[in-house]
Amino acid sequence: MTRHSMYLYPWDLRDEGAQIVADRLRAAGIDSITLATSYHSGKFLRPHSPKGKVYFPEAGTVYFPPNAARYGRLASQRAQLAESYDALHELACHAPDLKVTAWTVGLHNSRLGKANPELTAQTVYGDPLINSLCPAQPEVQHYLIALCADTAAQEGVREIALETPGWQAFRHGHHHEFELIELHNAVQTMLGTCFCPACRKGVGEHGLDMGRLAQDTVTQLDRFFATGAVPGTDPATDPDWQALHEWRAGVVADLVAEIRATLPNAVKLAVIPTTQTPNSLCWIEGSDLSRLAAAADRLELPAYQCGVEAIENDAAEARNAAGAEADLGFILRPTFPHLTDAADVARAVQALRRLNPASVSFYNYGHFRLQSLDWIAAALA
């Protein structure tokens, strides 16, 4: 039977009340909640919030009391909101019938990256990308394993949905992210690829000359910055770059497998493999859908294209890449600009159901108008 979950922020639960939110979700046919328990900074518009319409989350924090003994050099920090409001406890009290998945943002953590730039992804020029902790770094691996184990120990958590287990793309909507030159896709990939010492060492041990690749990349990027000349190398198809991507995919999949082995059997592990659209671009972040599907209990795939046909095509391609036997779910945005009315939502839900998912989830309660709940209810009915 397909599960139906709603992505939800602790601040929306606090401001609207757990009982009210739970009643609304049940009425829409929702049987599970995917609650942000580890999250990044942002600037969010909240159309139906009764306590302010714009919210800035605290950067790189968790919404439960972390166990300091689990961590090493990198440690979780409790959000100030969570000092006075325990979202997981409120759900346990007011919605014990709704299964809780802990939505866990992993290595996208600007708070930790700013404090530990040497553990972040580094451009080929040595610039630290502070929003992206590097999963090839042993300290970073220890942190992510500890974070997931810490999350699994919290009240009511039955599953973890791990987002950003790998590297971030160069463009990720960072605060005041700004460019005055057009960046070709190859340039974005080259700039976003980590050349930190841990990556250089790891790739070198697998037979790729990272020094030569780095020098060639600098040469092509310098030419691009000076003249606008598009790089002659395509990182999506070049053999050396493909070898690099293969190694990166192994790093992320192995890390996910280690996390799964650390968690108690009663807590499942889902992986959100990408923040890219379409899902076929997940390789930029070090994600390989088939390898991650084998390492985790299931995949949680964003279906964030615009329009039903594009959503269906992207989801079908992702299903094929993950494998027919892979256990997966899909995440829909039942709102502008992805789906614009009740008929669209119904058609998208039916299209995804044809791919035999374990779940169809909706993103995000606090971001859309309440009329989207009516669209969801009609689609699920």
Protein backbone atom coordinates (compact mmCIF):
# COMPACT_ATOMS: atom_id res chain seq x y z
CA MET A 1 0.00 0.00 0.00
CA THR A 2 1.34 3.43 -0.95
CA ARG A 3 2.13 5.72 1.96
CA HIS A 4 1.34 9.46 1.72
CA SER A 5 3.53 11.87 3.67
CA MET A 6 3.74 15.63 4.14
CA TYR A 7 7.02 17.49 4.45
CA LEU A 8 6.79 19.85 7.41
CA TYR A 9 8.93 22.37 9.32
CA PRO A 10 9.02 22.60 13.13
CA TRP A 11 8.26 26.34 13.04
CA ASP A 12 5.03 25.76 11.11
CA LEU A 13 4.01 23.08 13.59
CA ARG A 14 4.75 25.44 16.49
CA ASP A 15 2.96 28.45 15.03
CA GLU A 16 -0.18 26.63 13.86
CA GLY A 17 -0.37 23.94 16.53
CA ALA A 18 0.34 20.23 16.19
CA GLN A 19 -3.30 19.23 16.67
CA ILE A 20 -4.58 21.65 14.01
CA VAL A 21 -1.90 20.64 11.50
CA ALA A 22 -2.43 16.92 12.13
CA ASP A 23 -6.19 17.26 11.67
CA ARG A 24 -5.71 19.07 8.37
CA LEU A 25 -3.29 16.45 7.10
CA ARG A 26 -5.53 13.53 8.07
CA ALA A 27 -8.44 15.20 6.28
CA ALA A 28 -6.30 15.38 3.13
CA GLY A 29 -5.49 11.66 3.27
CA ILE A 30 -1.99 12.05 4.70
CA ASP A 31 -0.83 9.19 6.95
CA SER A 32 2.79 10.22 7.63
CA ILE A 33 4.85 13.30 8.40
CA THR A 34 8.37 14.02 7.15
CA LEU A 35 9.60 16.52 9.73
CA ALA A 36 12.74 18.63 9.34
CA THR A 37 14.98 17.60 12.25
CA SER A 38 18.30 18.85 10.82
CA TYR A 39 18.12 21.86 8.54
CA HIS A 40 19.97 24.71 6.85
CA SER A 41 19.45 28.45 6.62
CA GLY A 42 16.89 29.98 4.30
CA LYS A 43 14.29 32.67 3.71
CA PHE A 44 10.80 31.18 3.48
CA LEU A 45 7.43 32.69 2.59
CA ARG A 46 4.56 31.15 4.59
CA PRO A 47 1.18 31.94 2.99
CA HIS A 48 -1.06 30.64 5.80
CA SER A 49 1.07 31.21 8.89
CA PRO A 50 -0.83 33.03 11.67
CA LYS A 51 2.44 34.38 13.16
CA GLY A 52 4.32 36.18 10.41
CA LYS A 53 4.72 35.43 6.72
CA VAL A 54 8.52 35.31 6.37
CA TYR A 55 10.82 33.00 8.33
CA PHE A 56 14.62 32.71 8.50
CA PRO A 57 15.68 29.31 9.91
CA GLU A 58 18.82 29.12 12.02
CA ALA A 59 21.75 27.84 9.96
CA GLY A 60 22.90 24.23 10.22
CA THR A 61 21.08 23.19 13.40
CA VAL A 62 19.02 20.28 14.71
CA TYR A 63 15.56 20.33 16.27
CA PHE A 64 16.22 17.94 19.13
CA PRO A 65 18.77 17.78 21.99
CA PRO A 66 21.93 16.28 20.43
CA ASN A 67 24.03 13.78 22.32
CA ALA A 68 27.48 15.41 22.41
CA ALA A 69 29.16 12.08 23.19
CA ARG A 70 28.39 10.80 19.69
CA TYR A 71 30.30 13.50 17.85
CA GLY A 72 33.91 14.34 17.14
CA ARG A 73 35.34 17.56 15.79
CA LEU A 74 32.08 18.36 13.98
CA ALA A 75 29.05 18.39 16.26
CA SER A 76 25.35 19.14 15.94
CA GLN A 77 23.97 22.30 17.53
CA ARG A 78 20.42 22.58 18.83
CA ALA A 79 18.31 25.30 17.22
CA GLN A 80 17.07 28.03 19.56
CA LEU A 81 13.50 27.21 18.51
CA ALA A 82 13.96 23.68 19.82
CA GLU A 83 14.98 24.95 23.26
CA SER A 84 11.36 25.91 23.90
CA TYR A 85 9.44 23.74 21.43
CA ASP A 86 9.88 19.98 20.97
CA ALA A 87 8.25 19.21 17.62
CA LEU A 88 8.82 15.46 17.84
CA HIS A 89 7.22 15.30 21.28
CA GLU A 90 4.26 17.36 20.11
CA LEU A 91 3.66 14.95 17.24
CA ALA A 92 3.94 12.00 19.60
CA CYS A 93 1.29 13.59 21.84
CA HIS A 94 -1.13 14.91 19.22
CA ALA A 95 -0.56 12.65 16.21
CA PRO A 96 0.67 9.24 17.40
CA ASP A 97 -1.10 7.64 14.43
CA LEU A 98 1.05 9.52 11.89
CA LYS A 99 4.36 7.80 11.10
CA VAL A 100 7.28 10.21 11.54
CA THR A 101 10.22 10.37 9.14
CA ALA A 102 13.08 12.60 10.30
CA TRP A 103 14.06 14.79 7.35
CA THR A 104 17.80 15.13 7.89
CA VAL A 105 19.88 17.60 5.90
CA GLY A 106 23.36 16.14 6.10
CA LEU A 107 26.42 17.77 4.54
CA HIS A 108 24.83 21.04 3.43
CA ASN A 109 25.81 22.90 6.60
CA SER A 110 27.18 26.42 6.29
CA ARG A 111 27.54 26.80 10.07
CA LEU A 112 29.99 23.91 10.27
CA GLY A 113 31.59 24.75 6.93
CA LYS A 114 32.36 28.31 7.94
CA ALA A 115 33.94 27.12 11.19
CA ASN A 116 35.87 24.30 9.47
CA PRO A 117 36.68 25.42 5.90
CA GLU A 118 39.38 22.78 5.53
CA LEU A 119 36.66 20.10 5.78
CA THR A 120 34.53 21.59 3.03
CA ALA A 121 34.57 20.98 -0.70
CA GLN A 122 37.29 23.05 -2.36
CA THR A 123 37.35 24.39 -5.88
CA VAL A 124 40.28 23.55 -8.12
CA TYR A 125 41.62 27.01 -7.10
CA GLY A 126 41.45 26.06 -3.41
CA ASP A 127 38.40 28.16 -2.56
CA PRO A 128 36.40 26.54 0.28
CA LEU A 129 32.72 26.06 -0.59
CA ILE A 130 31.51 26.50 2.96
CA ASN A 131 27.96 25.31 2.28
CA SER A 132 29.24 21.84 1.33
CA LEU A 133 31.08 19.56 3.75
CA CYS A 134 33.20 17.04 1.82
CA PRO A 135 32.12 13.40 2.30
CA ALA A 136 35.62 12.16 1.48
CA GLN A 137 36.90 13.70 4.72
CA PRO A 138 36.99 11.16 7.61
CA GLU A 139 35.83 13.78 10.14
CA VAL A 140 32.85 14.60 7.93
CA GLN A 141 31.97 10.94 7.57
CA HIS A 142 32.08 10.54 11.35
CA TYR A 143 29.80 13.55 11.75
CA LEU A 144 27.16 12.29 9.33
CA ILE A 145 27.10 8.82 10.86
CA ALA A 146 26.75 10.37 14.33
CA LEU A 147 24.02 12.76 13.18
CA CYS A 148 21.92 9.93 11.76
CA ALA A 149 22.44 7.74 14.83
CA ASP A 150 21.53 10.69 17.06
CA THR A 151 18.39 11.35 15.02
CA ALA A 152 17.34 7.69 15.12
CA ALA A 153 17.38 7.83 18.92
CA GLN A 154 14.78 10.60 19.09
CA GLU A 155 11.18 10.15 20.20
CA GLY A 156 8.86 8.71 17.58
CA VAL A 157 11.36 8.55 14.70
CA ARG A 158 10.67 5.50 12.54
CA GLU A 159 12.66 6.51 9.47
CA ILE A 160 15.38 8.94 8.44
CA ALA A 161 15.20 10.72 5.08
CA LEU A 162 18.79 11.77 4.49
CA GLU A 163 19.23 14.72 2.15
CA THR A 164 22.63 15.95 0.88
CA PRO A 165 24.72 12.89 1.75
CA GLY A 166 27.27 14.00 -0.86
CA TRP A 167 28.74 17.12 -2.43
CA GLN A 168 26.68 20.16 -3.39
CA ALA A 169 26.43 21.60 -6.87
CA PHE A 170 28.16 24.95 -7.45
CA ARG A 171 24.81 26.73 -7.58
CA HIS A 172 22.70 25.95 -4.53
CA GLY A 173 20.88 29.19 -3.80
CA HIS A 174 23.43 30.33 -1.23
CA HIS A 175 22.84 33.70 0.46
CA HIS A 176 23.23 36.47 -2.14
CA GLU A 177 24.66 34.01 -4.66
CA PHE A 178 25.73 36.29 -7.50
CA GLU A 179 27.37 36.18 -10.92
CA LEU A 180 27.67 38.70 -13.75
CA ILE A 181 28.88 36.23 -16.35
CA GLU A 182 26.92 33.35 -17.82
CA LEU A 183 28.16 30.01 -16.54
CA HIS A 184 28.15 27.15 -19.03
CA ASN A 185 27.07 23.79 -17.57
CA ALA A 186 30.63 22.46 -17.89
CA VAL A 187 31.95 25.48 -15.98
CA GLN A 188 29.44 24.97 -13.17
CA THR A 189 30.47 21.34 -12.85
CA MET A 190 34.16 22.16 -12.88
CA LEU A 191 33.74 24.91 -10.27
CA GLY A 192 31.56 22.76 -8.03
CA THR A 193 33.78 19.66 -8.09
CA CYS A 194 35.88 19.14 -4.98
CA PHE A 195 39.67 19.09 -5.36
CA CYS A 196 40.44 19.04 -1.63
CA PRO A 197 43.41 16.96 -0.38
CA ALA A 198 41.14 14.07 0.67
CA CYS A 199 39.58 13.88 -2.80
CA ARG A 200 42.93 14.18 -4.56
CA LYS A 201 44.34 11.38 -2.41
CA GLY A 202 41.32 9.12 -2.79
CA VAL A 203 41.05 9.49 -6.55
CA GLY A 204 44.80 9.11 -6.94
CA GLU A 205 44.66 5.76 -5.16
CA HIS A 206 42.20 4.64 -7.82
CA GLY A 207 44.61 5.41 -10.64
CA LEU A 208 43.46 8.83 -11.84
CA ASP A 209 46.08 11.58 -12.10
CA MET A 210 44.26 14.32 -10.20
CA GLY A 211 47.20 16.69 -10.54
CA ARG A 212 46.96 16.55 -14.32
CA LEU A 213 43.16 16.84 -14.25
CA ALA A 214 43.39 19.82 -11.91
CA GLN A 215 45.91 21.63 -14.10
CA ASP A 216 43.84 21.03 -17.22
CA THR A 217 40.74 22.27 -15.40
CA VAL A 218 42.48 25.45 -14.24
CA THR A 219 43.70 26.11 -17.78
CA GLN A 220 40.20 25.78 -19.23
CA LEU A 221 38.54 27.80 -16.47
CA ASP A 222 41.16 30.57 -16.71
CA ARG A 223 40.47 30.80 -20.44
CA PHE A 224 36.74 30.90 -19.80
CA PHE A 225 37.04 33.65 -17.17
CA ALA A 226 39.24 35.72 -19.48
CA THR A 227 37.44 35.27 -22.79
CA GLY A 228 34.20 33.34 -22.31
CA ALA A 229 35.53 30.37 -24.28
CA VAL A 230 33.53 27.28 -23.44
CA PRO A 231 35.71 24.48 -22.00
CA GLY A 232 36.67 21.88 -24.55
CA THR A 233 36.18 19.13 -21.97
CA ASP A 234 32.67 18.02 -21.06
CA PRO A 235 32.73 16.68 -17.47
CA ALA A 236 29.59 14.66 -18.20
CA THR A 237 31.28 12.52 -20.89
CA ASP A 238 35.08 12.90 -20.64
CA PRO A 239 36.67 9.57 -19.54
CA ASP A 240 38.82 11.09 -16.80
CA TRP A 241 35.89 13.01 -15.39
CA GLN A 242 33.71 9.91 -15.59
CA ALA A 243 36.32 8.03 -13.56
CA LEU A 244 36.22 10.84 -11.01
CA HIS A 245 32.40 10.70 -10.84
CA GLU A 246 32.53 6.93 -10.42
CA TRP A 247 34.86 7.29 -7.45
CA ARG A 248 32.68 10.01 -5.92
CA ALA A 249 29.58 7.84 -6.30
CA GLY A 250 31.38 5.06 -4.46
CA VAL A 251 32.32 7.40 -1.60
CA VAL A 252 28.71 8.49 -1.09
CA ALA A 253 27.21 5.01 -1.47
CA ASP A 254 29.74 3.51 0.96
CA LEU A 255 28.99 6.25 3.48
CA VAL A 256 25.25 5.63 3.19
CA ALA A 257 25.82 1.88 3.64
CA GLU A 258 27.84 2.56 6.80
CA ILE A 259 25.06 4.78 8.14
CA ARG A 260 22.51 2.05 7.46
CA ALA A 261 24.67 -0.49 9.30
CA THR A 262 24.90 1.84 12.32
CA LEU A 263 21.16 2.47 12.66
CA PRO A 264 18.88 0.20 14.67
CA ASN A 265 16.86 -2.20 12.52
CA ALA A 266 13.62 -0.57 13.62
CA VAL A 267 14.59 2.75 12.01
CA LYS A 268 14.66 2.72 8.22
CA LEU A 269 16.98 4.83 6.06
CA ALA A 270 15.74 6.64 2.97
CA VAL A 271 18.03 8.81 0.85
CA ILE A 272 17.06 11.96 -1.03
CA PRO A 273 19.80 11.62 -3.65
CA THR A 274 19.73 15.05 -5.24
CA THR A 275 18.67 18.66 -5.10
CA GLN A 276 19.03 18.85 -8.88
CA THR A 277 16.20 18.86 -11.41
CA PRO A 278 15.84 16.55 -13.26
CA ASN A 279 17.06 13.56 -11.25
CA SER A 280 19.43 12.57 -14.06
CA LEU A 281 21.75 15.36 -12.86
CA CYS A 282 22.26 13.65 -9.50
CA TRP A 283 25.79 12.57 -10.53
CA ILE A 284 26.91 16.16 -9.96
CA GLU A 285 26.43 15.53 -6.23
CA GLY A 286 28.09 12.13 -6.21
CA SER A 287 24.82 10.19 -6.37
CA ASP A 288 24.28 6.98 -8.32
CA LEU A 289 20.65 5.91 -7.96
CA SER A 290 21.19 2.18 -8.27
CA ARG A 291 24.09 2.15 -5.80
CA LEU A 292 22.22 4.30 -3.29
CA ALA A 293 19.09 2.15 -3.62
CA ALA A 294 21.22 -0.87 -2.69
CA ALA A 295 22.92 0.94 0.22
CA ALA A 296 19.77 2.37 1.82
CA ASP A 297 16.34 0.95 2.54
CA ARG A 298 14.78 3.13 -0.14
CA LEU A 299 15.19 6.27 -2.24
CA GLU A 300 13.08 9.41 -1.85
CA LEU A 301 13.13 11.06 -5.28
CA PRO A 302 12.15 14.68 -5.95
CA ALA A 303 9.59 14.99 -8.74
CA TYR A 304 10.10 18.71 -9.17
CA GLN A 305 9.68 19.26 -12.89
CA CYS A 306 6.99 21.69 -14.08
CA GLY A 307 3.90 20.05 -15.57
CA VAL A 308 2.54 16.52 -15.35
CA GLU A 309 4.24 15.19 -18.47
CA ALA A 310 7.69 16.41 -17.43
CA ILE A 311 7.19 15.02 -13.92
CA GLU A 312 6.13 11.64 -15.29
CA ASN A 313 9.05 11.43 -17.71
CA ASP A 314 11.62 12.40 -15.06
CA ALA A 315 10.17 9.95 -12.54
CA ALA A 316 10.13 7.09 -15.06
CA GLU A 317 13.75 7.79 -16.01
CA ALA A 318 14.74 7.82 -12.34
CA ARG A 319 12.88 4.56 -11.73
CA ASN A 320 14.80 2.95 -14.60
CA ALA A 321 18.11 4.27 -13.28
CA ALA A 322 17.40 3.03 -9.74
CA GLY A 323 16.28 -0.39 -10.97
CA ALA A 324 12.97 -2.18 -11.16
CA GLU A 325 13.46 -3.76 -7.73
CA ALA A 326 14.46 -0.54 -5.96
CA ASP A 327 12.18 0.59 -3.14
CA LEU A 328 11.47 4.25 -3.74
CA GLY A 329 9.14 7.13 -3.11
CA PHE A 330 8.46 10.36 -4.94
CA ILE A 331 8.06 13.93 -3.67
CA LEU A 332 5.55 16.20 -5.42
CA ARG A 333 5.11 19.95 -5.11
CA PRO A 334 1.32 20.44 -5.39
CA THR A 335 1.62 24.13 -6.09
CA PHE A 336 2.93 26.81 -8.45
CA PRO A 337 4.88 26.49 -10.72
CA HIS A 338 4.97 22.68 -10.75
CA LEU A 339 1.26 21.83 -10.60
CA THR A 340 -1.35 24.55 -10.83
CA ASP A 341 -4.74 23.01 -10.05
CA ALA A 342 -6.51 19.98 -8.60
CA ALA A 343 -6.62 18.18 -11.94
CA ASP A 344 -2.84 18.51 -12.33
CA VAL A 345 -2.22 17.09 -8.87
CA ALA A 346 -4.55 14.15 -9.49
CA ARG A 347 -2.91 13.35 -12.82
CA ALA A 348 0.59 13.59 -11.31
CA VAL A 349 -0.30 11.30 -8.40
CA GLN A 350 -1.74 8.71 -10.79
CA ALA A 351 1.33 8.92 -13.03
CA LEU A 352 3.64 8.30 -10.08
CA ARG A 353 1.53 5.45 -8.75
CA ARG A 354 2.03 3.64 -12.05
CA LEU A 355 5.73 3.41 -11.14
CA ASN A 356 4.92 1.30 -8.06
CA PRO A 357 6.34 3.61 -5.36
CA ALA A 358 6.33 2.85 -1.66
CA SER A 359 5.28 6.44 -1.00
CA VAL A 360 4.11 9.66 -2.60
CA SER A 361 4.97 12.68 -0.48
CA PHE A 362 4.14 16.37 -0.75
CA TYR A 363 6.43 19.37 -0.28
CA ASN A 364 5.86 21.50 1.75
CA TYR A 365 3.00 22.28 4.13
CA GLY A 366 4.28 25.70 5.15
CA HIS A 367 5.13 26.88 1.62
CA PHE A 368 1.85 26.38 -0.23
CA ARG A 369 -1.68 27.74 0.17
CA LEU A 370 -4.08 25.58 2.15
CA GLN A 371 -6.06 25.00 -1.05
CA SER A 372 -3.29 22.59 -2.03
CA LEU A 373 -4.51 20.30 0.76
CA ASP A 374 -7.89 20.18 -1.01
CA TRP A 375 -6.12 19.25 -4.25
CA ILE A 376 -4.21 16.50 -2.44
CA ALA A 377 -7.39 15.18 -0.82
CA ALA A 378 -9.13 14.96 -4.17
CA ALA A 379 -6.12 13.25 -5.76
CA LEU A 380 -5.81 10.66 -3.00
CA ALA A 381 -9.54 9.98 -2.88
